[in-house]
């Protein structure tokens, strides 16, 4: 009887340590993914921007068909960038990573600005979900990016 109780207690202690280690790894992975998304948000050149997107990455922009792959995404982004005064900034808010550590998602707030036909600046606040996968080298790559407008937002920082 004593042996059975000790075995159960040892098992529970090991399970507790495993759960703690899993939680710590998850928090570390989430911090890493959040930082990757922040780096992506600061990529100003087209080459740097696409370095964060998987080759078969998917974007689902408002009022656009599903875009898959660098070539299709690049074409639509070029169209967006041709709009006078067009600018995009976003701030990652949260990241979540799977227990396996190879799949995660981020939630972002985004501001899209452009000039209307009168030359006035239009600000459009949006919410974003990006799904990320680690590639064979263990590097996070954006797999799916979905966004739409959010009239309740007034800023992209955490408080806004």
C-alpha atoms as a PDB file:
ATOM      1  CA  UNK A   1       0.000   0.000   0.000  1.00  0.00           C
ATOM      2  CA  UNK A   2       2.797   2.365   0.931  1.00  0.00           C
ATOM      3  CA  UNK A   3       4.519   1.665  -2.370  1.00  0.00           C
ATOM      4  CA  UNK A   4       1.344   2.415  -4.335  1.00  0.00           C
ATOM      5  CA  UNK A   5       0.851   5.737  -2.533  1.00  0.00           C
ATOM      6  CA  UNK A   6       4.496   6.727  -3.085  1.00  0.00           C
ATOM      7  CA  UNK A   7       4.240   5.781  -6.764  1.00  0.00           C
ATOM      8  CA  UNK A   8       1.126   7.929  -7.191  1.00  0.00           C
ATOM      9  CA  UNK A   9       2.752  10.856  -5.374  1.00  0.00           C
ATOM     10  CA  UNK A  10       5.906  10.572  -7.492  1.00  0.00           C
ATOM     11  CA  UNK A  11       3.779  10.493 -10.628  1.00  0.00           C
ATOM     12  CA  UNK A  12       1.858  13.573  -9.563  1.00  0.00           C
ATOM     13  CA  UNK A  13       5.094  15.427  -8.801  1.00  0.00           C
ATOM     14  CA  UNK A  14       6.494  14.538 -12.231  1.00  0.00           C
ATOM     15  CA  UNK A  15       3.261  15.619 -13.908  1.00  0.00           C
ATOM     16  CA  UNK A  16       3.366  18.912 -11.999  1.00  0.00           C
ATOM     17  CA  UNK A  17       6.939  19.561 -13.150  1.00  0.00           C
ATOM     18  CA  UNK A  18       6.021  18.679 -16.738  1.00  0.00           C
ATOM     19  CA  UNK A  19       3.043  21.056 -16.673  1.00  0.00           C
ATOM     20  CA  UNK A  20       5.251  23.836 -15.276  1.00  0.00           C
ATOM     21  CA  UNK A  21       7.905  23.215 -17.942  1.00  0.00           C
ATOM     22  CA  UNK A  22       5.236  23.190 -20.669  1.00  0.00           C
ATOM     23  CA  UNK A  23       3.818  26.499 -19.376  1.00  0.00           C
ATOM     24  CA  UNK A  24       7.299  28.056 -19.297  1.00  0.00           C
ATOM     25  CA  UNK A  25       8.050  26.843 -22.833  1.00  0.00           C
ATOM     26  CA  UNK A  26       4.695  28.166 -24.002  1.00  0.00           C
ATOM     27  CA  UNK A  27       5.360  31.602 -22.474  1.00  0.00           C
ATOM     28  CA  UNK A  28       8.827  31.666 -24.024  1.00  0.00           C
ATOM     29  CA  UNK A  29       7.402  30.676 -27.418  1.00  0.00           C
ATOM     30  CA  UNK A  30       4.686  33.316 -27.174  1.00  0.00           C
ATOM     31  CA  UNK A  31       7.228  36.027 -26.332  1.00  0.00           C
ATOM     32  CA  UNK A  32       9.373  34.922 -29.290  1.00  0.00           C
ATOM     33  CA  UNK A  33       6.393  34.912 -31.661  1.00  0.00           C
ATOM     34  CA  UNK A  34       5.241  38.338 -30.428  1.00  0.00           C
ATOM     35  CA  UNK A  35       8.747  39.702 -31.079  1.00  0.00           C
ATOM     36  CA  UNK A  36       8.797  38.137 -34.562  1.00  0.00           C
ATOM     37  CA  UNK A  37       5.484  39.810 -35.359  1.00  0.00           C
ATOM     38  CA  UNK A  38       6.814  43.157 -34.060  1.00  0.00           C
ATOM     39  CA  UNK A  39       9.887  42.795 -36.282  1.00  0.00           C
ATOM     40  CA  UNK A  40       7.600  42.069 -39.246  1.00  0.00           C
ATOM     41  CA  UNK A  41       5.589  45.217 -38.477  1.00  0.00           C
ATOM     42  CA  UNK A  42       8.790  47.266 -38.742  1.00  0.00           C
ATOM     43  CA  UNK A  43       9.964  45.762 -42.047  1.00  0.00           C
ATOM     44  CA  UNK A  44      10.020  48.668 -44.457  1.00  0.00           C
ATOM     45  CA  UNK A  45      11.452  47.114 -47.599  1.00  0.00           C
ATOM     46  CA  UNK A  46       9.468  44.677 -49.706  1.00  0.00           C
ATOM     47  CA  UNK A  47      12.239  42.088 -49.389  1.00  0.00           C
ATOM     48  CA  UNK A  48      12.242  42.336 -45.581  1.00  0.00           C
ATOM     49  CA  UNK A  49       8.443  42.178 -45.473  1.00  0.00           C
ATOM     50  CA  UNK A  50       8.299  38.978 -47.534  1.00  0.00           C
ATOM     51  CA  UNK A  51      11.056  37.351 -45.466  1.00  0.00           C
ATOM     52  CA  UNK A  52       8.420  36.863 -42.729  1.00  0.00           C
ATOM     53  CA  UNK A  53       5.852  35.223 -45.030  1.00  0.00           C
ATOM     54  CA  UNK A  54       5.962  31.532 -45.913  1.00  0.00           C
ATOM     55  CA  UNK A  55       6.266  30.808 -49.651  1.00  0.00           C
ATOM     56  CA  UNK A  56       2.685  29.505 -49.682  1.00  0.00           C
ATOM     57  CA  UNK A  57       1.424  32.135 -47.212  1.00  0.00           C
ATOM     58  CA  UNK A  58      -2.195  33.238 -47.477  1.00  0.00           C
ATOM     59  CA  UNK A  59      -3.592  36.746 -47.042  1.00  0.00           C
ATOM     60  CA  UNK A  60      -7.272  37.516 -46.702  1.00  0.00           C
ATOM     61  CA  UNK A  61      -7.557  41.268 -47.108  1.00  0.00           C
ATOM     62  CA  UNK A  62     -10.903  43.082 -46.983  1.00  0.00           C
ATOM     63  CA  UNK A  63     -12.700  43.142 -50.333  1.00  0.00           C
ATOM     64  CA  UNK A  64     -10.021  40.966 -51.962  1.00  0.00           C
ATOM     65  CA  UNK A  65     -10.008  37.340 -53.056  1.00  0.00           C
ATOM     66  CA  UNK A  66      -7.869  34.905 -51.100  1.00  0.00           C
ATOM     67  CA  UNK A  67      -4.225  35.562 -52.005  1.00  0.00           C
ATOM     68  CA  UNK A  68      -1.792  32.665 -51.787  1.00  0.00           C
ATOM     69  CA  UNK A  69       1.938  32.844 -52.418  1.00  0.00           C
ATOM     70  CA  UNK A  70       4.412  35.682 -52.650  1.00  0.00           C
ATOM     71  CA  UNK A  71       3.594  36.578 -56.262  1.00  0.00           C
ATOM     72  CA  UNK A  72      -0.144  37.127 -55.705  1.00  0.00           C
ATOM     73  CA  UNK A  73       0.387  38.919 -52.382  1.00  0.00           C
ATOM     74  CA  UNK A  74       3.057  41.169 -53.908  1.00  0.00           C
ATOM     75  CA  UNK A  75       0.707  42.155 -56.778  1.00  0.00           C
ATOM     76  CA  UNK A  76      -2.104  43.283 -54.458  1.00  0.00           C
ATOM     77  CA  UNK A  77       0.276  45.017 -52.051  1.00  0.00           C
ATOM     78  CA  UNK A  78       1.692  46.947 -55.020  1.00  0.00           C
ATOM     79  CA  UNK A  79      -1.842  48.048 -55.894  1.00  0.00           C
ATOM     80  CA  UNK A  80      -2.418  49.174 -52.290  1.00  0.00           C
ATOM     81  CA  UNK A  81       0.892  51.055 -52.257  1.00  0.00           C
ATOM     82  CA  UNK A  82      -0.088  52.955 -55.412  1.00  0.00           C
ATOM     83  CA  UNK A  83      -2.921  54.645 -53.493  1.00  0.00           C
ATOM     84  CA  UNK A  84      -1.856  58.230 -52.597  1.00  0.00           C
ATOM     85  CA  UNK A  85      -0.737  58.542 -48.982  1.00  0.00           C
ATOM     86  CA  UNK A  86      -1.057  54.781 -48.381  1.00  0.00           C
ATOM     87  CA  UNK A  87       0.587  53.628 -45.153  1.00  0.00           C
ATOM     88  CA  UNK A  88       0.119  50.633 -42.854  1.00  0.00           C
ATOM     89  CA  UNK A  89       1.275  50.273 -39.262  1.00  0.00           C
ATOM     90  CA  UNK A  90       0.311  47.606 -36.801  1.00  0.00           C
ATOM     91  CA  UNK A  91       1.033  46.563 -33.259  1.00  0.00           C
ATOM     92  CA  UNK A  92       0.890  42.941 -32.110  1.00  0.00           C
ATOM     93  CA  UNK A  93      -1.268  42.630 -28.994  1.00  0.00           C
ATOM     94  CA  UNK A  94      -1.147  38.950 -28.034  1.00  0.00           C
ATOM     95  CA  UNK A  95       0.499  35.711 -29.137  1.00  0.00           C
ATOM     96  CA  UNK A  96      -0.473  32.106 -28.501  1.00  0.00           C
ATOM     97  CA  UNK A  97       1.704  29.079 -29.263  1.00  0.00           C
ATOM     98  CA  UNK A  98       0.744  25.401 -29.378  1.00  0.00           C
ATOM     99  CA  UNK A  99       2.209  22.939 -26.878  1.00  0.00           C
ATOM    100  CA  UNK A 100       4.342  21.484 -29.664  1.00  0.00           C
ATOM    101  CA  UNK A 101       5.788  24.980 -30.206  1.00  0.00           C
ATOM    102  CA  UNK A 102       5.548  24.891 -34.001  1.00  0.00           C
ATOM    103  CA  UNK A 103       2.188  26.577 -34.582  1.00  0.00           C
ATOM    104  CA  UNK A 104       0.863  29.838 -33.181  1.00  0.00           C
ATOM    105  CA  UNK A 105      -1.175  32.927 -33.842  1.00  0.00           C
ATOM    106  CA  UNK A 106      -1.022  36.615 -33.094  1.00  0.00           C
ATOM    107  CA  UNK A 107      -3.748  39.183 -32.620  1.00  0.00           C
ATOM    108  CA  UNK A 108      -2.881  42.676 -33.840  1.00  0.00           C
ATOM    109  CA  UNK A 109      -4.359  46.134 -34.172  1.00  0.00           C
ATOM    110  CA  UNK A 110      -3.638  47.878 -37.456  1.00  0.00           C
ATOM    111  CA  UNK A 111      -3.954  51.395 -38.852  1.00  0.00           C
ATOM    112  CA  UNK A 112      -4.298  51.898 -42.598  1.00  0.00           C
ATOM    113  CA  UNK A 113      -4.044  55.497 -43.841  1.00  0.00           C
ATOM    114  CA  UNK A 114      -4.549  56.909 -47.312  1.00  0.00           C
ATOM    115  CA  UNK A 115      -5.737  60.052 -49.034  1.00  0.00           C
ATOM    116  CA  UNK A 116      -9.294  60.349 -50.286  1.00  0.00           C
ATOM    117  CA  UNK A 117     -10.215  62.047 -53.583  1.00  0.00           C
ATOM    118  CA  UNK A 118     -10.024  65.466 -51.852  1.00  0.00           C
ATOM    119  CA  UNK A 119      -6.508  64.835 -50.514  1.00  0.00           C
ATOM    120  CA  UNK A 120      -7.699  64.405 -46.916  1.00  0.00           C
ATOM    121  CA  UNK A 121      -6.130  61.637 -44.866  1.00  0.00           C
ATOM    122  CA  UNK A 122      -8.424  58.738 -44.101  1.00  0.00           C
ATOM    123  CA  UNK A 123      -7.570  56.544 -41.106  1.00  0.00           C
ATOM    124  CA  UNK A 124      -9.007  53.069 -41.005  1.00  0.00           C
ATOM    125  CA  UNK A 125      -8.479  50.951 -37.875  1.00  0.00           C
ATOM    126  CA  UNK A 126      -8.477  47.206 -38.314  1.00  0.00           C
ATOM    127  CA  UNK A 127      -8.110  43.992 -36.318  1.00  0.00           C
ATOM    128  CA  UNK A 128      -5.864  41.170 -37.501  1.00  0.00           C
ATOM    129  CA  UNK A 129      -5.296  37.479 -36.812  1.00  0.00           C
ATOM    130  CA  UNK A 130      -2.101  35.958 -38.188  1.00  0.00           C
ATOM    131  CA  UNK A 131      -1.395  32.242 -38.038  1.00  0.00           C
ATOM    132  CA  UNK A 132       2.289  31.338 -37.878  1.00  0.00           C
ATOM    133  CA  UNK A 133       4.168  28.077 -38.504  1.00  0.00           C
ATOM    134  CA  UNK A 134       7.785  27.261 -37.832  1.00  0.00           C
ATOM    135  CA  UNK A 135       9.645  26.145 -40.935  1.00  0.00           C
ATOM    136  CA  UNK A 136      12.200  23.303 -41.117  1.00  0.00           C
ATOM    137  CA  UNK A 137      14.886  25.638 -39.711  1.00  0.00           C
ATOM    138  CA  UNK A 138      12.700  26.521 -36.705  1.00  0.00           C
ATOM    139  CA  UNK A 139      11.951  30.060 -37.958  1.00  0.00           C
ATOM    140  CA  UNK A 140       8.455  31.526 -37.592  1.00  0.00           C
ATOM    141  CA  UNK A 141       6.773  32.246 -40.949  1.00  0.00           C
ATOM    142  CA  UNK A 142       3.355  33.792 -41.422  1.00  0.00           C
ATOM    143  CA  UNK A 143       1.024  31.152 -42.871  1.00  0.00           C
ATOM    144  CA  UNK A 144      -2.353  32.936 -42.896  1.00  0.00           C
ATOM    145  CA  UNK A 145      -3.148  36.624 -42.352  1.00  0.00           C
ATOM    146  CA  UNK A 146      -6.774  37.766 -42.008  1.00  0.00           C
ATOM    147  CA  UNK A 147      -7.999  41.269 -41.235  1.00  0.00           C
ATOM    148  CA  UNK A 148     -11.005  43.554 -41.391  1.00  0.00           C
ATOM    149  CA  UNK A 149     -12.079  46.980 -40.190  1.00  0.00           C
ATOM    150  CA  UNK A 150     -13.008  47.657 -36.580  1.00  0.00           C
ATOM    151  CA  UNK A 151     -14.920  50.902 -36.051  1.00  0.00           C
ATOM    152  CA  UNK A 152     -14.533  50.571 -32.259  1.00  0.00           C
ATOM    153  CA  UNK A 153     -10.740  51.080 -32.398  1.00  0.00           C
ATOM    154  CA  UNK A 154      -9.256  54.550 -32.046  1.00  0.00           C
ATOM    155  CA  UNK A 155      -5.563  53.604 -31.738  1.00  0.00           C
ATOM    156  CA  UNK A 156      -3.309  50.611 -32.244  1.00  0.00           C
ATOM    157  CA  UNK A 157      -1.479  50.655 -28.930  1.00  0.00           C
ATOM    158  CA  UNK A 158      -2.647  48.215 -26.240  1.00  0.00           C
ATOM    159  CA  UNK A 159      -4.903  50.811 -24.603  1.00  0.00           C
ATOM    160  CA  UNK A 160      -6.561  51.996 -27.827  1.00  0.00           C
END
